[in-house]
Amino acid sequence: MQDIYSKINRRISQWISCASSNRDFALSHNIDEKTVRRILTGEYKISIRTLEKICEARNLPLSEFFKRIEKD
């Protein structure tokens, strides 16, 4: 069974791949580009605050995000 961080990173990595660049994703989601690169490694344990920033930028409540990754 996948751990929760793997599920989170996989979902956010999908979103990053749709951006024109890592920098573009970072700027549009109010996070550091270094954080984007760390997420893409698949081993990053994202903080709730960083996840909250990403979800806010996408107009997605955290509760909905977790419902979506639970289905993965």
N, C-alpha and C. Protein backbone atom coordinates (compact mmCIF):
# COMPACT_ATOMS: atom_id res chain seq x y z
N MET A 1 0.84 -1.19 0.00
CA MET A 1 0.00 0.00 0.00
C MET A 1 0.89 1.25 0.00
N GLN A 2 0.51 2.20 -0.82
CA GLN A 2 1.26 3.46 -0.91
C GLN A 2 1.03 4.30 0.33
N ASP A 3 2.08 4.97 0.79
CA ASP A 3 1.88 5.87 1.91
C ASP A 3 1.26 7.18 1.41
N ILE A 4 0.78 7.96 2.34
CA ILE A 4 0.05 9.18 2.01
C ILE A 4 0.93 10.19 1.27
N TYR A 5 2.21 10.26 1.65
CA TYR A 5 3.10 11.22 0.98
C TYR A 5 3.31 10.84 -0.49
N SER A 6 3.39 9.58 -0.78
CA SER A 6 3.53 9.14 -2.17
C SER A 6 2.31 9.53 -2.99
N LYS A 7 1.15 9.36 -2.41
CA LYS A 7 -0.09 9.72 -3.10
C LYS A 7 -0.16 11.23 -3.35
N ILE A 8 0.20 12.00 -2.34
CA ILE A 8 0.19 13.46 -2.48
C ILE A 8 1.18 13.88 -3.55
N ASN A 9 2.41 13.38 -3.46
CA ASN A 9 3.43 13.76 -4.44
C ASN A 9 3.04 13.36 -5.85
N ARG A 10 2.45 12.19 -6.01
CA ARG A 10 2.05 11.75 -7.34
C ARG A 10 0.99 12.69 -7.94
N ARG A 11 0.00 13.06 -7.15
CA ARG A 11 -1.05 13.95 -7.64
C ARG A 11 -0.49 15.33 -7.99
N ILE A 12 0.33 15.88 -7.12
CA ILE A 12 0.89 17.20 -7.38
C ILE A 12 1.86 17.15 -8.55
N SER A 13 2.60 16.07 -8.68
CA SER A 13 3.50 15.90 -9.83
C SER A 13 2.73 15.93 -11.14
N GLN A 14 1.53 15.37 -11.13
CA GLN A 14 0.68 15.41 -12.33
C GLN A 14 0.33 16.86 -12.66
N TRP A 15 0.02 17.63 -11.65
CA TRP A 15 -0.30 19.04 -11.87
C TRP A 15 0.92 19.80 -12.37
N ILE A 16 2.08 19.51 -11.80
CA ILE A 16 3.31 20.18 -12.22
C ILE A 16 3.60 19.89 -13.69
N SER A 17 3.38 18.65 -14.10
CA SER A 17 3.67 18.27 -15.48
C SER A 17 2.79 19.02 -16.49
N CYS A 18 1.66 19.54 -16.03
CA CYS A 18 0.78 20.30 -16.92
C CYS A 18 1.19 21.78 -17.02
N ALA A 19 2.06 22.21 -16.13
CA ALA A 19 2.54 23.60 -16.16
C ALA A 19 3.60 23.76 -17.25
N SER A 20 3.81 24.97 -17.69
CA SER A 20 4.81 25.19 -18.74
C SER A 20 6.23 24.97 -18.24
N SER A 21 6.44 25.12 -16.92
CA SER A 21 7.75 24.87 -16.33
C SER A 21 7.58 24.73 -14.81
N ASN A 22 8.63 24.21 -14.18
CA ASN A 22 8.61 24.13 -12.72
C ASN A 22 8.49 25.52 -12.11
N ARG A 23 9.21 26.46 -12.71
CA ARG A 23 9.17 27.85 -12.22
C ARG A 23 7.77 28.44 -12.33
N ASP A 24 7.11 28.20 -13.45
CA ASP A 24 5.75 28.69 -13.64
C ASP A 24 4.81 28.10 -12.58
N PHE A 25 4.93 26.81 -12.33
CA PHE A 25 4.09 26.18 -11.31
C PHE A 25 4.37 26.81 -9.95
N ALA A 26 5.64 26.96 -9.62
CA ALA A 26 6.01 27.53 -8.32
C ALA A 26 5.44 28.94 -8.15
N LEU A 27 5.60 29.77 -9.15
CA LEU A 27 5.11 31.15 -9.07
C LEU A 27 3.59 31.20 -8.97
N SER A 28 2.92 30.39 -9.74
CA SER A 28 1.46 30.44 -9.74
C SER A 28 0.83 29.78 -8.51
N HIS A 29 1.63 29.01 -7.77
CA HIS A 29 1.12 28.34 -6.57
C HIS A 29 1.76 28.84 -5.28
N ASN A 30 2.53 29.94 -5.40
CA ASN A 30 3.11 30.63 -4.24
C ASN A 30 4.02 29.73 -3.40
N ILE A 31 4.83 28.92 -4.09
CA ILE A 31 5.82 28.08 -3.41
C ILE A 31 7.17 28.25 -4.09
N ASP A 32 8.24 27.79 -3.43
CA ASP A 32 9.58 27.88 -4.00
C ASP A 32 9.76 26.86 -5.12
N GLU A 33 10.55 27.22 -6.10
CA GLU A 33 10.86 26.28 -7.17
C GLU A 33 11.59 25.06 -6.63
N LYS A 34 12.40 25.27 -5.62
CA LYS A 34 13.11 24.14 -5.00
C LYS A 34 12.11 23.12 -4.44
N THR A 35 11.02 23.61 -3.89
CA THR A 35 9.98 22.72 -3.37
C THR A 35 9.36 21.91 -4.50
N VAL A 36 9.15 22.53 -5.63
CA VAL A 36 8.60 21.83 -6.80
C VAL A 36 9.54 20.69 -7.20
N ARG A 37 10.82 20.99 -7.28
CA ARG A 37 11.79 19.96 -7.64
C ARG A 37 11.79 18.81 -6.63
N ARG A 38 11.68 19.14 -5.36
CA ARG A 38 11.66 18.11 -4.31
C ARG A 38 10.40 17.25 -4.41
N ILE A 39 9.29 17.85 -4.74
CA ILE A 39 8.05 17.08 -4.92
C ILE A 39 8.23 16.08 -6.05
N LEU A 40 8.86 16.53 -7.12
CA LEU A 40 9.06 15.67 -8.29
C LEU A 40 9.97 14.48 -8.02
N THR A 41 10.81 14.57 -6.98
CA THR A 41 11.66 13.42 -6.65
C THR A 41 10.82 12.26 -6.12
N GLY A 42 9.64 12.56 -5.61
CA GLY A 42 8.76 11.52 -5.07
C GLY A 42 9.06 11.13 -3.65
N GLU A 43 10.06 11.76 -3.05
CA GLU A 43 10.45 11.39 -1.70
C GLU A 43 10.23 12.54 -0.71
N TYR A 44 9.66 13.62 -1.16
CA TYR A 44 9.47 14.80 -0.34
C TYR A 44 8.24 14.64 0.55
N LYS A 45 8.39 14.93 1.82
CA LYS A 45 7.26 14.91 2.75
C LYS A 45 6.72 16.32 2.86
N ILE A 46 5.73 16.59 2.07
CA ILE A 46 5.17 17.94 1.95
C ILE A 46 4.51 18.38 3.25
N SER A 47 4.69 19.64 3.58
CA SER A 47 4.04 20.19 4.78
C SER A 47 2.59 20.52 4.46
N ILE A 48 1.80 20.56 5.50
CA ILE A 48 0.39 20.93 5.32
C ILE A 48 0.30 22.35 4.77
N ARG A 49 1.15 23.25 5.22
CA ARG A 49 1.12 24.64 4.73
C ARG A 49 1.40 24.71 3.25
N THR A 50 2.39 23.95 2.77
CA THR A 50 2.70 23.95 1.34
C THR A 50 1.53 23.36 0.57
N LEU A 51 0.98 22.28 1.05
CA LEU A 51 -0.17 21.67 0.40
C LEU A 51 -1.35 22.63 0.38
N GLU A 52 -1.53 23.35 1.46
CA GLU A 52 -2.60 24.33 1.55
C GLU A 52 -2.41 25.44 0.50
N LYS A 53 -1.19 25.92 0.32
CA LYS A 53 -0.90 26.96 -0.68
C LYS A 53 -1.23 26.46 -2.08
N ILE A 54 -0.82 25.24 -2.37
CA ILE A 54 -1.08 24.67 -3.70
C ILE A 54 -2.58 24.53 -3.93
N CYS A 55 -3.28 24.02 -2.95
CA CYS A 55 -4.73 23.84 -3.09
C CYS A 55 -5.45 25.19 -3.19
N GLU A 56 -5.02 26.17 -2.41
CA GLU A 56 -5.62 27.51 -2.49
C GLU A 56 -5.48 28.08 -3.89
N ALA A 57 -4.31 27.92 -4.48
CA ALA A 57 -4.06 28.45 -5.83
C ALA A 57 -4.96 27.76 -6.86
N ARG A 58 -5.39 26.55 -6.57
CA ARG A 58 -6.24 25.80 -7.48
C ARG A 58 -7.72 25.89 -7.09
N ASN A 59 -8.02 26.70 -6.07
CA ASN A 59 -9.39 26.83 -5.56
C ASN A 59 -9.97 25.47 -5.18
N LEU A 60 -9.16 24.68 -4.50
CA LEU A 60 -9.53 23.33 -4.12
C LEU A 60 -9.40 23.19 -2.60
N PRO A 61 -10.48 22.94 -1.91
CA PRO A 61 -10.38 22.74 -0.45
C PRO A 61 -9.52 21.52 -0.14
N LEU A 62 -8.78 21.60 0.95
CA LEU A 62 -7.94 20.46 1.35
C LEU A 62 -8.76 19.19 1.50
N SER A 63 -9.95 19.32 2.03
CA SER A 63 -10.79 18.13 2.21
C SER A 63 -11.08 17.45 0.88
N GLU A 64 -11.32 18.24 -0.16
CA GLU A 64 -11.57 17.68 -1.49
C GLU A 64 -10.30 17.04 -2.05
N PHE A 65 -9.17 17.67 -1.82
CA PHE A 65 -7.90 17.10 -2.28
C PHE A 65 -7.71 15.71 -1.68
N PHE A 66 -7.92 15.59 -0.38
CA PHE A 66 -7.73 14.29 0.27
C PHE A 66 -8.75 13.26 -0.19
N LYS A 67 -9.96 13.69 -0.48
CA LYS A 67 -10.95 12.76 -1.04
C LYS A 67 -10.48 12.22 -2.38
N ARG A 68 -9.91 13.10 -3.18
CA ARG A 68 -9.44 12.69 -4.52
C ARG A 68 -8.26 11.73 -4.44
N ILE A 69 -7.31 11.99 -3.54
CA ILE A 69 -6.16 11.09 -3.50
C ILE A 69 -6.50 9.77 -2.82
N GLU A 70 -7.53 9.77 -2.01
CA GLU A 70 -7.96 8.52 -1.37
C GLU A 70 -8.44 7.52 -2.42
N LYS A 71 -8.98 8.04 -3.52
CA LYS A 71 -9.46 7.19 -4.60
C LYS A 71 -8.32 6.61 -5.44
N ASP A 72 -7.15 7.24 -5.37
CA ASP A 72 -5.99 6.78 -6.15
C ASP A 72 -5.50 5.43 -5.68
